[in-house]
N, C-alpha and C. Protein backbone atom coordinates (compact mmCIF):
# COMPACT_ATOMS: atom_id res chain seq x y z
N MET A 1 26.77 -15.70 -17.27
CA MET A 1 26.09 -14.99 -16.20
C MET A 1 26.37 -15.71 -14.89
N SER A 2 26.46 -14.95 -13.82
CA SER A 2 26.77 -15.53 -12.52
C SER A 2 25.56 -16.21 -11.90
N ASP A 3 25.79 -16.90 -10.83
CA ASP A 3 24.75 -17.61 -10.08
C ASP A 3 23.68 -16.60 -9.63
N PRO A 4 22.38 -16.87 -9.84
CA PRO A 4 21.34 -15.90 -9.49
C PRO A 4 21.17 -15.69 -7.98
N ARG A 5 21.65 -16.61 -7.17
CA ARG A 5 21.47 -16.42 -5.73
C ARG A 5 22.17 -15.17 -5.21
N PRO A 6 23.41 -14.87 -5.61
CA PRO A 6 24.00 -13.62 -5.13
C PRO A 6 23.25 -12.38 -5.60
N VAL A 7 22.73 -12.39 -6.84
CA VAL A 7 21.95 -11.26 -7.32
C VAL A 7 20.66 -11.14 -6.51
N SER A 8 20.03 -12.26 -6.22
CA SER A 8 18.82 -12.26 -5.40
C SER A 8 19.11 -11.70 -4.01
N ALA A 9 20.21 -12.11 -3.43
CA ALA A 9 20.58 -11.60 -2.10
C ALA A 9 20.86 -10.10 -2.17
N ALA A 10 21.54 -9.64 -3.20
CA ALA A 10 21.81 -8.21 -3.37
C ALA A 10 20.51 -7.44 -3.55
N PHE A 11 19.59 -8.00 -4.32
CA PHE A 11 18.28 -7.38 -4.53
C PHE A 11 17.56 -7.20 -3.20
N ARG A 12 17.49 -8.27 -2.41
CA ARG A 12 16.81 -8.19 -1.11
C ARG A 12 17.45 -7.12 -0.22
N GLU A 13 18.76 -7.10 -0.18
CA GLU A 13 19.47 -6.12 0.65
C GLU A 13 19.21 -4.70 0.15
N ALA A 14 19.28 -4.50 -1.16
CA ALA A 14 19.08 -3.16 -1.71
C ALA A 14 17.67 -2.64 -1.42
N PHE A 15 16.66 -3.47 -1.65
CA PHE A 15 15.29 -3.01 -1.45
C PHE A 15 14.88 -3.01 0.02
N ARG A 16 15.58 -3.74 0.86
CA ARG A 16 15.34 -3.65 2.29
C ARG A 16 15.71 -2.25 2.78
N CYS A 17 16.68 -1.63 2.11
CA CYS A 17 17.16 -0.30 2.48
C CYS A 17 16.60 0.80 1.59
N HIS A 18 15.60 0.49 0.78
CA HIS A 18 14.99 1.46 -0.12
C HIS A 18 13.62 1.85 0.44
N PRO A 19 13.49 3.05 1.00
CA PRO A 19 12.21 3.42 1.63
C PRO A 19 11.08 3.55 0.61
N ALA A 20 9.88 3.25 1.07
CA ALA A 20 8.72 3.32 0.20
C ALA A 20 7.52 3.83 0.97
N GLY A 21 6.63 4.50 0.27
CA GLY A 21 5.36 4.90 0.85
C GLY A 21 4.48 3.67 1.02
N VAL A 22 3.42 3.82 1.79
CA VAL A 22 2.55 2.69 2.13
C VAL A 22 1.13 2.99 1.68
N ALA A 23 0.49 1.99 1.07
CA ALA A 23 -0.90 2.10 0.63
C ALA A 23 -1.63 0.82 1.00
N VAL A 24 -2.94 0.92 1.10
CA VAL A 24 -3.79 -0.25 1.28
C VAL A 24 -4.75 -0.28 0.10
N ILE A 25 -4.89 -1.45 -0.50
CA ILE A 25 -5.80 -1.65 -1.62
C ILE A 25 -6.96 -2.50 -1.13
N THR A 26 -8.19 -2.05 -1.44
CA THR A 26 -9.38 -2.81 -1.09
C THR A 26 -10.17 -3.08 -2.36
N ALA A 27 -10.85 -4.22 -2.37
CA ALA A 27 -11.67 -4.60 -3.52
C ALA A 27 -12.69 -5.63 -3.08
N ASP A 28 -13.66 -5.87 -3.95
CA ASP A 28 -14.65 -6.90 -3.67
C ASP A 28 -15.13 -7.48 -4.99
N PRO A 29 -14.72 -8.71 -5.30
CA PRO A 29 -15.16 -9.33 -6.56
C PRO A 29 -16.59 -9.86 -6.50
N GLY A 30 -17.25 -9.69 -5.35
CA GLY A 30 -18.64 -10.13 -5.24
C GLY A 30 -18.89 -11.05 -4.07
N GLY A 31 -17.88 -11.67 -3.53
CA GLY A 31 -18.06 -12.59 -2.41
C GLY A 31 -17.93 -11.90 -1.07
N ARG A 32 -16.82 -11.26 -0.87
CA ARG A 32 -16.56 -10.52 0.36
C ARG A 32 -15.41 -9.57 0.10
N PRO A 33 -15.33 -8.45 0.83
CA PRO A 33 -14.25 -7.50 0.58
C PRO A 33 -12.90 -8.06 1.03
N VAL A 34 -11.85 -7.62 0.35
CA VAL A 34 -10.48 -7.97 0.71
C VAL A 34 -9.67 -6.69 0.80
N ALA A 35 -8.56 -6.77 1.52
CA ALA A 35 -7.66 -5.63 1.65
C ALA A 35 -6.23 -6.16 1.77
N MET A 36 -5.30 -5.38 1.25
CA MET A 36 -3.90 -5.74 1.36
C MET A 36 -3.04 -4.49 1.39
N THR A 37 -1.97 -4.53 2.18
CA THR A 37 -1.02 -3.44 2.27
C THR A 37 0.04 -3.63 1.20
N VAL A 38 0.40 -2.53 0.52
CA VAL A 38 1.45 -2.57 -0.50
C VAL A 38 2.41 -1.41 -0.27
N SER A 39 3.67 -1.63 -0.64
CA SER A 39 4.65 -0.54 -0.62
C SER A 39 5.25 -0.35 -2.01
N SER A 40 4.59 -0.91 -3.01
CA SER A 40 5.11 -0.85 -4.38
C SER A 40 4.38 0.16 -5.27
N LEU A 41 3.49 0.97 -4.71
CA LEU A 41 2.70 1.90 -5.50
C LEU A 41 3.58 2.99 -6.12
N VAL A 42 3.45 3.18 -7.43
CA VAL A 42 4.19 4.24 -8.12
C VAL A 42 3.25 4.98 -9.06
N SER A 43 3.54 6.25 -9.28
CA SER A 43 2.78 7.01 -10.27
C SER A 43 3.33 6.67 -11.65
N VAL A 44 2.44 6.56 -12.62
CA VAL A 44 2.85 6.23 -13.98
C VAL A 44 2.59 7.42 -14.90
N SER A 45 1.41 8.02 -14.79
CA SER A 45 1.03 9.10 -15.69
C SER A 45 0.03 10.01 -14.99
N ALA A 46 0.10 11.31 -15.31
CA ALA A 46 -0.89 12.25 -14.77
C ALA A 46 -2.10 12.36 -15.70
N GLU A 47 -1.93 12.11 -16.97
CA GLU A 47 -3.02 12.18 -17.94
C GLU A 47 -2.98 10.98 -18.87
N PRO A 48 -3.85 10.02 -18.75
CA PRO A 48 -4.81 9.90 -17.65
C PRO A 48 -4.09 9.49 -16.37
N PRO A 49 -4.64 9.85 -15.21
CA PRO A 49 -3.98 9.50 -13.96
C PRO A 49 -3.90 7.98 -13.79
N THR A 50 -2.68 7.48 -13.78
CA THR A 50 -2.44 6.04 -13.77
C THR A 50 -1.36 5.71 -12.75
N VAL A 51 -1.56 4.62 -12.04
CA VAL A 51 -0.58 4.12 -11.07
C VAL A 51 -0.25 2.67 -11.41
N ALA A 52 0.79 2.16 -10.79
CA ALA A 52 1.14 0.75 -10.93
C ALA A 52 1.57 0.23 -9.56
N PHE A 53 1.41 -1.07 -9.35
CA PHE A 53 1.81 -1.70 -8.10
C PHE A 53 1.97 -3.18 -8.34
N SER A 54 2.59 -3.84 -7.38
CA SER A 54 2.83 -5.27 -7.46
C SER A 54 1.99 -5.98 -6.41
N LEU A 55 1.36 -7.09 -6.81
CA LEU A 55 0.60 -7.92 -5.89
C LEU A 55 1.31 -9.26 -5.76
N SER A 56 1.64 -9.64 -4.55
CA SER A 56 2.36 -10.89 -4.30
C SER A 56 1.47 -12.10 -4.55
N SER A 57 2.04 -13.11 -5.18
CA SER A 57 1.29 -14.35 -5.39
C SER A 57 1.07 -15.10 -4.08
N ARG A 58 1.80 -14.72 -3.02
CA ARG A 58 1.62 -15.36 -1.71
C ARG A 58 0.42 -14.82 -0.96
N SER A 59 -0.11 -13.68 -1.40
CA SER A 59 -1.24 -13.07 -0.70
C SER A 59 -2.54 -13.73 -1.12
N GLY A 60 -3.37 -14.04 -0.15
CA GLY A 60 -4.68 -14.61 -0.42
C GLY A 60 -5.63 -13.60 -1.05
N SER A 61 -5.29 -12.31 -1.03
CA SER A 61 -6.16 -11.27 -1.58
C SER A 61 -5.87 -10.95 -3.04
N THR A 62 -4.73 -11.38 -3.56
CA THR A 62 -4.34 -11.02 -4.92
C THR A 62 -5.38 -11.45 -5.95
N ALA A 63 -5.81 -12.69 -5.92
CA ALA A 63 -6.77 -13.17 -6.92
C ALA A 63 -8.07 -12.37 -6.86
N ALA A 64 -8.53 -12.03 -5.66
CA ALA A 64 -9.78 -11.27 -5.51
C ALA A 64 -9.64 -9.86 -6.07
N VAL A 65 -8.51 -9.21 -5.84
CA VAL A 65 -8.29 -7.86 -6.38
C VAL A 65 -8.30 -7.92 -7.91
N LEU A 66 -7.60 -8.88 -8.48
CA LEU A 66 -7.55 -9.01 -9.93
C LEU A 66 -8.92 -9.33 -10.51
N GLU A 67 -9.68 -10.20 -9.85
CA GLU A 67 -11.01 -10.56 -10.31
C GLU A 67 -11.97 -9.38 -10.24
N ALA A 68 -11.85 -8.56 -9.20
CA ALA A 68 -12.76 -7.43 -9.01
C ALA A 68 -12.66 -6.42 -10.15
N GLY A 69 -11.45 -6.18 -10.62
CA GLY A 69 -11.27 -5.24 -11.72
C GLY A 69 -11.21 -3.79 -11.29
N THR A 70 -11.98 -3.41 -10.26
CA THR A 70 -11.89 -2.06 -9.69
C THR A 70 -11.53 -2.20 -8.22
N MET A 71 -10.99 -1.14 -7.68
CA MET A 71 -10.51 -1.16 -6.29
C MET A 71 -10.46 0.25 -5.75
N VAL A 72 -10.15 0.34 -4.46
CA VAL A 72 -9.85 1.63 -3.84
C VAL A 72 -8.41 1.54 -3.35
N ILE A 73 -7.64 2.55 -3.71
CA ILE A 73 -6.25 2.66 -3.29
C ILE A 73 -6.19 3.76 -2.23
N HIS A 74 -5.82 3.39 -1.02
CA HIS A 74 -5.74 4.32 0.11
C HIS A 74 -4.27 4.66 0.34
N LEU A 75 -3.90 5.94 0.25
CA LEU A 75 -2.54 6.37 0.54
C LEU A 75 -2.45 6.70 2.02
N LEU A 76 -1.62 5.96 2.73
CA LEU A 76 -1.60 6.04 4.19
C LEU A 76 -0.64 7.08 4.72
N ARG A 77 -0.99 7.61 5.85
CA ARG A 77 -0.18 8.54 6.63
C ARG A 77 0.15 7.88 7.96
N TYR A 78 0.94 8.57 8.75
CA TYR A 78 1.33 8.06 10.06
C TYR A 78 0.11 7.67 10.90
N ALA A 79 -0.93 8.47 10.84
CA ALA A 79 -2.14 8.20 11.64
C ALA A 79 -2.82 6.90 11.22
N ASP A 80 -2.47 6.37 10.04
CA ASP A 80 -3.10 5.16 9.53
C ASP A 80 -2.26 3.90 9.78
N LEU A 81 -1.30 3.98 10.67
CA LEU A 81 -0.39 2.85 10.92
C LEU A 81 -1.14 1.58 11.28
N ASP A 82 -2.15 1.66 12.12
CA ASP A 82 -2.90 0.46 12.51
C ASP A 82 -3.54 -0.21 11.29
N LEU A 83 -4.01 0.58 10.35
CA LEU A 83 -4.61 0.04 9.13
C LEU A 83 -3.54 -0.64 8.25
N ALA A 84 -2.36 -0.04 8.18
CA ALA A 84 -1.26 -0.65 7.44
C ALA A 84 -0.92 -2.02 8.03
N ARG A 85 -0.84 -2.09 9.33
CA ARG A 85 -0.55 -3.36 10.00
C ARG A 85 -1.66 -4.37 9.76
N LEU A 86 -2.91 -3.91 9.83
CA LEU A 86 -4.05 -4.80 9.62
C LEU A 86 -4.00 -5.42 8.22
N GLY A 87 -3.74 -4.60 7.21
CA GLY A 87 -3.70 -5.08 5.84
C GLY A 87 -2.50 -5.97 5.55
N ALA A 88 -1.51 -5.95 6.44
CA ALA A 88 -0.30 -6.76 6.26
C ALA A 88 -0.30 -8.03 7.09
N THR A 89 -1.33 -8.22 7.90
CA THR A 89 -1.38 -9.38 8.79
C THR A 89 -2.21 -10.50 8.17
N PRO A 90 -1.58 -11.62 7.82
CA PRO A 90 -2.33 -12.73 7.23
C PRO A 90 -3.44 -13.22 8.17
N GLY A 91 -4.61 -13.45 7.62
CA GLY A 91 -5.71 -14.00 8.39
C GLY A 91 -6.48 -12.99 9.22
N ALA A 92 -6.06 -11.73 9.25
CA ALA A 92 -6.76 -10.72 10.05
C ALA A 92 -8.11 -10.38 9.43
N ASP A 93 -9.09 -10.05 10.27
CA ASP A 93 -10.41 -9.62 9.80
C ASP A 93 -10.31 -8.13 9.47
N ARG A 94 -10.10 -7.82 8.23
CA ARG A 94 -9.84 -6.46 7.80
C ARG A 94 -11.08 -5.59 7.66
N PHE A 95 -12.25 -6.20 7.84
CA PHE A 95 -13.50 -5.46 7.75
C PHE A 95 -14.41 -5.78 8.94
N GLY A 96 -13.81 -6.16 10.05
CA GLY A 96 -14.56 -6.55 11.23
C GLY A 96 -15.07 -5.37 12.03
N ALA A 97 -15.71 -5.70 13.14
CA ALA A 97 -16.20 -4.67 14.05
C ALA A 97 -15.04 -3.79 14.50
N GLY A 98 -15.26 -2.50 14.55
CA GLY A 98 -14.23 -1.58 14.97
C GLY A 98 -13.35 -1.06 13.84
N VAL A 99 -13.54 -1.57 12.63
CA VAL A 99 -12.80 -1.08 11.46
C VAL A 99 -13.76 -0.22 10.65
N PRO A 100 -13.58 1.10 10.67
CA PRO A 100 -14.54 1.96 9.96
C PRO A 100 -14.37 1.89 8.44
N TRP A 101 -15.42 1.43 7.78
CA TRP A 101 -15.40 1.34 6.32
C TRP A 101 -16.81 1.48 5.79
N GLU A 102 -16.89 1.72 4.50
CA GLU A 102 -18.18 1.84 3.81
C GLU A 102 -18.02 1.30 2.39
N ARG A 103 -19.13 1.15 1.73
CA ARG A 103 -19.09 0.81 0.31
C ARG A 103 -19.36 2.08 -0.49
N LEU A 104 -18.57 2.28 -1.53
CA LEU A 104 -18.85 3.38 -2.44
C LEU A 104 -20.12 3.05 -3.21
N PRO A 105 -20.78 4.02 -3.82
CA PRO A 105 -21.97 3.73 -4.61
C PRO A 105 -21.71 2.70 -5.72
N THR A 106 -20.46 2.59 -6.15
CA THR A 106 -20.09 1.63 -7.19
C THR A 106 -19.74 0.26 -6.61
N GLY A 107 -19.79 0.10 -5.27
CA GLY A 107 -19.62 -1.19 -4.62
C GLY A 107 -18.29 -1.48 -3.97
N GLU A 108 -17.24 -0.71 -4.29
CA GLU A 108 -15.92 -0.98 -3.70
C GLU A 108 -15.89 -0.60 -2.22
N PRO A 109 -15.20 -1.41 -1.41
CA PRO A 109 -15.04 -1.06 0.00
C PRO A 109 -13.99 0.04 0.17
N ARG A 110 -14.26 0.99 1.07
CA ARG A 110 -13.34 2.10 1.35
C ARG A 110 -13.23 2.31 2.85
N TYR A 111 -12.00 2.43 3.32
CA TYR A 111 -11.76 2.74 4.73
C TYR A 111 -12.00 4.23 4.93
N THR A 112 -12.97 4.55 5.76
CA THR A 112 -13.40 5.94 5.91
C THR A 112 -12.43 6.81 6.70
N ALA A 113 -11.54 6.23 7.47
CA ALA A 113 -10.59 7.03 8.25
C ALA A 113 -9.42 7.54 7.42
N VAL A 114 -9.24 7.01 6.22
CA VAL A 114 -8.11 7.42 5.37
C VAL A 114 -8.54 8.60 4.52
N ALA A 115 -7.79 9.70 4.63
CA ALA A 115 -8.18 10.95 3.96
C ALA A 115 -7.91 10.94 2.46
N THR A 116 -6.86 10.27 2.02
CA THR A 116 -6.50 10.29 0.60
C THR A 116 -6.72 8.91 0.00
N TRP A 117 -7.62 8.86 -0.97
CA TRP A 117 -7.97 7.58 -1.59
C TRP A 117 -8.43 7.83 -3.03
N PHE A 118 -8.31 6.78 -3.84
CA PHE A 118 -8.74 6.83 -5.23
C PHE A 118 -9.42 5.53 -5.61
N ARG A 119 -10.53 5.64 -6.32
CA ARG A 119 -11.14 4.46 -6.94
C ARG A 119 -10.43 4.27 -8.27
N ALA A 120 -10.06 3.03 -8.57
CA ALA A 120 -9.27 2.77 -9.76
C ALA A 120 -9.78 1.53 -10.49
N ARG A 121 -9.47 1.47 -11.78
CA ARG A 121 -9.83 0.33 -12.61
C ARG A 121 -8.55 -0.24 -13.22
N ILE A 122 -8.42 -1.56 -13.16
CA ILE A 122 -7.24 -2.21 -13.72
C ILE A 122 -7.22 -2.00 -15.24
N GLN A 123 -6.10 -1.52 -15.74
CA GLN A 123 -5.91 -1.33 -17.17
C GLN A 123 -5.08 -2.46 -17.78
N GLY A 124 -4.27 -3.09 -16.95
CA GLY A 124 -3.44 -4.19 -17.44
C GLY A 124 -2.80 -4.91 -16.27
N ALA A 125 -2.52 -6.18 -16.46
CA ALA A 125 -1.86 -6.98 -15.43
C ALA A 125 -0.84 -7.88 -16.12
N LEU A 126 0.35 -7.93 -15.55
CA LEU A 126 1.43 -8.73 -16.10
C LEU A 126 1.90 -9.72 -15.04
N PRO A 127 1.56 -11.01 -15.21
CA PRO A 127 2.05 -12.00 -14.25
C PRO A 127 3.56 -12.20 -14.43
N VAL A 128 4.27 -12.19 -13.33
CA VAL A 128 5.70 -12.50 -13.30
C VAL A 128 5.91 -13.51 -12.18
N GLU A 129 7.05 -14.12 -12.13
CA GLU A 129 7.33 -15.11 -11.09
C GLU A 129 7.12 -14.50 -9.70
N GLY A 130 6.16 -15.03 -8.97
CA GLY A 130 5.93 -14.60 -7.59
C GLY A 130 5.04 -13.39 -7.41
N ALA A 131 4.58 -12.76 -8.49
CA ALA A 131 3.78 -11.55 -8.35
C ALA A 131 3.03 -11.25 -9.64
N THR A 132 2.17 -10.25 -9.56
CA THR A 132 1.51 -9.70 -10.73
C THR A 132 1.68 -8.19 -10.68
N LEU A 133 2.19 -7.62 -11.75
CA LEU A 133 2.29 -6.17 -11.86
C LEU A 133 0.98 -5.65 -12.42
N VAL A 134 0.44 -4.63 -11.79
CA VAL A 134 -0.87 -4.10 -12.17
C VAL A 134 -0.73 -2.62 -12.51
N ALA A 135 -1.34 -2.21 -13.63
CA ALA A 135 -1.49 -0.80 -13.97
C ALA A 135 -2.97 -0.48 -13.82
N ALA A 136 -3.27 0.64 -13.15
CA ALA A 136 -4.67 0.99 -12.88
C ALA A 136 -4.88 2.49 -13.11
N GLU A 137 -5.98 2.81 -13.78
CA GLU A 137 -6.35 4.20 -14.01
C GLU A 137 -7.20 4.69 -12.84
N LEU A 138 -6.88 5.86 -12.32
CA LEU A 138 -7.65 6.45 -11.23
C LEU A 138 -8.91 7.09 -11.81
N LEU A 139 -10.05 6.76 -11.22
CA LEU A 139 -11.34 7.21 -11.74
C LEU A 139 -11.91 8.38 -10.95
N ASP A 140 -11.81 8.32 -9.64
CA ASP A 140 -12.24 9.40 -8.77
C ASP A 140 -11.62 9.18 -7.40
N GLY A 141 -11.84 10.09 -6.48
CA GLY A 141 -11.28 9.96 -5.15
C GLY A 141 -11.25 11.28 -4.42
N ALA A 142 -10.44 11.34 -3.39
CA ALA A 142 -10.34 12.53 -2.56
C ALA A 142 -8.95 12.60 -1.94
N THR A 143 -8.52 13.82 -1.65
CA THR A 143 -7.27 14.00 -0.94
C THR A 143 -7.55 14.75 0.34
N GLY A 144 -6.80 14.43 1.37
CA GLY A 144 -6.96 15.10 2.65
C GLY A 144 -6.33 16.47 2.61
N ASP A 145 -6.58 17.24 3.64
CA ASP A 145 -5.97 18.56 3.75
C ASP A 145 -4.46 18.41 3.86
N ALA A 146 -3.75 19.20 3.09
CA ALA A 146 -2.28 19.19 3.16
C ALA A 146 -1.86 20.01 4.37
N SER A 147 -1.04 19.41 5.21
CA SER A 147 -0.52 20.15 6.37
C SER A 147 0.63 21.02 5.91
N ASP A 148 1.14 21.83 6.83
CA ASP A 148 2.28 22.69 6.49
C ASP A 148 3.53 21.86 6.19
N ALA A 149 3.59 20.65 6.70
CA ALA A 149 4.75 19.79 6.49
C ALA A 149 4.27 18.36 6.26
N PRO A 150 3.72 18.07 5.05
CA PRO A 150 3.15 16.74 4.82
C PRO A 150 4.16 15.62 4.98
N GLU A 151 5.43 15.90 4.73
CA GLU A 151 6.43 14.85 4.88
C GLU A 151 6.53 14.36 6.32
N LEU A 152 6.15 15.17 7.26
CA LEU A 152 6.22 14.76 8.66
C LEU A 152 5.07 13.83 9.03
N GLU A 153 4.07 13.72 8.19
CA GLU A 153 2.95 12.84 8.45
C GLU A 153 3.02 11.54 7.65
N SER A 154 4.04 11.40 6.81
CA SER A 154 4.15 10.24 5.93
C SER A 154 4.43 8.96 6.70
N LEU A 155 3.88 7.87 6.21
CA LEU A 155 4.17 6.54 6.72
C LEU A 155 5.11 5.89 5.72
N ILE A 156 6.24 5.42 6.20
CA ILE A 156 7.29 4.87 5.33
C ILE A 156 7.64 3.47 5.79
N TYR A 157 7.87 2.61 4.81
CA TYR A 157 8.28 1.24 5.07
C TYR A 157 9.74 1.10 4.68
N LEU A 158 10.58 0.70 5.63
CA LEU A 158 12.02 0.58 5.41
C LEU A 158 12.57 -0.48 6.35
N ASP A 159 13.38 -1.38 5.82
CA ASP A 159 14.04 -2.41 6.61
C ASP A 159 13.02 -3.26 7.39
N ARG A 160 11.90 -3.61 6.68
CA ARG A 160 10.84 -4.44 7.24
C ARG A 160 10.21 -3.85 8.50
N ARG A 161 10.26 -2.52 8.62
CA ARG A 161 9.64 -1.82 9.75
C ARG A 161 8.93 -0.57 9.24
N TRP A 162 7.95 -0.13 10.02
CA TRP A 162 7.22 1.10 9.74
C TRP A 162 8.00 2.27 10.34
N HIS A 163 8.02 3.40 9.65
CA HIS A 163 8.70 4.60 10.12
C HIS A 163 7.83 5.81 9.80
N ARG A 164 8.16 6.90 10.47
CA ARG A 164 7.61 8.20 10.09
C ARG A 164 8.76 9.17 10.06
N LEU A 165 8.59 10.24 9.31
CA LEU A 165 9.60 11.28 9.30
C LEU A 165 9.37 12.18 10.50
N ARG A 166 10.43 12.75 10.98
CA ARG A 166 10.30 13.73 12.05
C ARG A 166 11.23 14.89 11.75
N GLU A 167 10.91 16.03 12.28
CA GLU A 167 11.76 17.19 12.07
C GLU A 167 12.89 17.16 13.07
N ALA A 168 14.09 17.26 12.56
CA ALA A 168 15.29 17.29 13.40
C ALA A 168 15.71 18.74 13.60
N PRO A 169 16.61 18.98 14.54
CA PRO A 169 17.11 20.35 14.71
C PRO A 169 17.63 20.89 13.37
N GLY A 170 17.33 22.14 13.09
CA GLY A 170 17.74 22.73 11.82
C GLY A 170 16.70 22.59 10.73
N GLY A 171 15.55 21.98 11.07
CA GLY A 171 14.47 21.87 10.10
C GLY A 171 14.59 20.72 9.12
N GLU A 172 15.57 19.85 9.29
CA GLU A 172 15.73 18.71 8.40
C GLU A 172 14.83 17.57 8.86
N ALA A 173 14.50 16.68 7.95
CA ALA A 173 13.67 15.53 8.29
C ALA A 173 14.57 14.31 8.51
N SER A 174 14.20 13.51 9.49
CA SER A 174 14.90 12.25 9.72
C SER A 174 13.86 11.18 10.03
N LEU A 175 14.26 9.91 9.90
CA LEU A 175 13.35 8.80 10.14
C LEU A 175 13.24 8.48 11.61
N LEU A 176 12.05 8.12 12.03
CA LEU A 176 11.79 7.68 13.38
C LEU A 176 11.12 6.32 13.31
N PRO A 177 11.81 5.25 13.72
CA PRO A 177 11.15 3.93 13.71
C PRO A 177 9.95 3.96 14.65
N LEU A 178 8.84 3.40 14.22
CA LEU A 178 7.62 3.45 15.01
C LEU A 178 7.58 2.37 16.08
N ASP A 179 8.20 1.26 15.83
CA ASP A 179 8.15 0.15 16.75
C ASP A 179 9.44 -0.64 16.57
N ILE A 180 10.46 -0.27 17.30
CA ILE A 180 11.78 -0.84 17.09
C ILE A 180 11.77 -2.36 17.13
N ASP A 181 10.96 -2.97 17.98
CA ASP A 181 10.94 -4.43 18.09
C ASP A 181 9.95 -5.09 17.14
N TYR A 182 9.13 -4.30 16.47
CA TYR A 182 8.09 -4.85 15.62
C TYR A 182 8.65 -5.12 14.23
N ARG A 183 8.78 -6.39 13.90
CA ARG A 183 9.16 -6.80 12.54
C ARG A 183 7.92 -7.46 11.96
N ASP A 184 7.31 -6.81 11.01
CA ASP A 184 6.05 -7.32 10.51
C ASP A 184 6.23 -8.42 9.47
N VAL A 185 5.14 -9.03 9.11
CA VAL A 185 5.15 -10.11 8.14
C VAL A 185 5.02 -9.59 6.70
N PHE A 186 4.73 -8.30 6.56
CA PHE A 186 4.56 -7.69 5.25
C PHE A 186 5.93 -7.58 4.59
N ARG A 187 6.02 -8.03 3.35
CA ARG A 187 7.30 -7.96 2.63
C ARG A 187 7.07 -7.88 1.16
């Protein structure tokens, strides 16, 4: 087998150019609420509704999410860009004044401005080098109103930058970088 460094470099380059949707996960193991932005959320099964995502071992919120056992998964749209940035900024006060949130009757923190969210329970966790893969069953939640062109409202993470889709001439969708100079710390 060849040296792993070239494979690692190829991996980074490939996934830097692989667009992903953006979600924020919130949880509270009992001490204080935590939140983190992820771009690794994938659907696993519709029955029972199950998702999977990766939590970085570098994040200070990972242990709290795993300890909590239940969480809220917020699927973000373009209008939620500030929340995506907040959840990706180390040391930021993610539940401070000016951040609209509430506790669900079951205790999990939920950002009230996000229209599509699900309360979920961890079904399994697999520690791997540098991360933990999590499978979670969706228990309840809500979806926002679908617009005539939901893809135009999507928030996408690509090349370490936030993007949104826009309609180009001819009705096709193309990417629009949201902040050309903004290279975030989320990775």
